[in-house]
Amino acid sequence: MRTLDPQSLPQHVDRLYRAAWGLCGSREDAEDLVQETFARVLSRPRVLHGQDDLYYLMRVLRNTFLTSRRTAGRRPVTAATLEDVVTADPKPTGRPEHALEIQEVYAAIATLPEDFRMALVAVDVLGLSYREAARALRVREATITTRLFRARKLVVRGLEGQEEGTVARESAPAGESAAAGDSAAGGASSTAGGSAGGAGAAGERGL
């Protein structure tokens, strides 16, 4: 048994921020969630019964998130690989394209059913073991395994859907332009044909 050292909290900020982003789906809401979590933890001394700091903070983060959801009555939804999520800089600034990929991953995580999302965030984002995640979420380890497997499949499917949608959006203007060009060409031919016909008719009347 020991008391959580407040001075140790800064070393967990990045990982908790990534976890919060995965839960909320919004960077701004993630920042608010982490700040509220730390405020709760620092409000009074916290006694840890053989628990790892990160494991304990994950439980507080989860409870704070669920409380905020019940209070707000809604869950915000805003969106590489899952390995990128674990190791990524939570606020990438040097590589815009990488930042976009990370946002897409988190958006996909945010759309997961709550139980799947919690399991994925605990293991793939925070890096808890299956046993630690099961204890934090108060479920069996086998349940974590099942939820994590399904959550990963849904995230991959969601990312593939985003890519297909992007390709469709990028190709649509070209198709529309071609169609517009064909229409314009057809219209021009029709107009030209009509003009030629009119000129021919005028010539016949003149004769």
Foldseek 3Di string as FASTA:
>chain_A
DAWDDLVPVVVCVQLQLLLLCLQQLDSVRSVVLSVVLSCVPPVDIDDDDPDDPLLVSLLSSVVSSVVVCVVVVDGHADAPALLCSQPPRPDDDPDVVSVVNHSHLSNQSNPDDPVLSQLCSVCSRNNDDLVSSCVSVVHDSVSSVVSPVVSRVSSVVSVVVVVVVVVCVVCVVVVVVVVVVVVVVVVVVVVVVVVVVVVVVVVVVVD
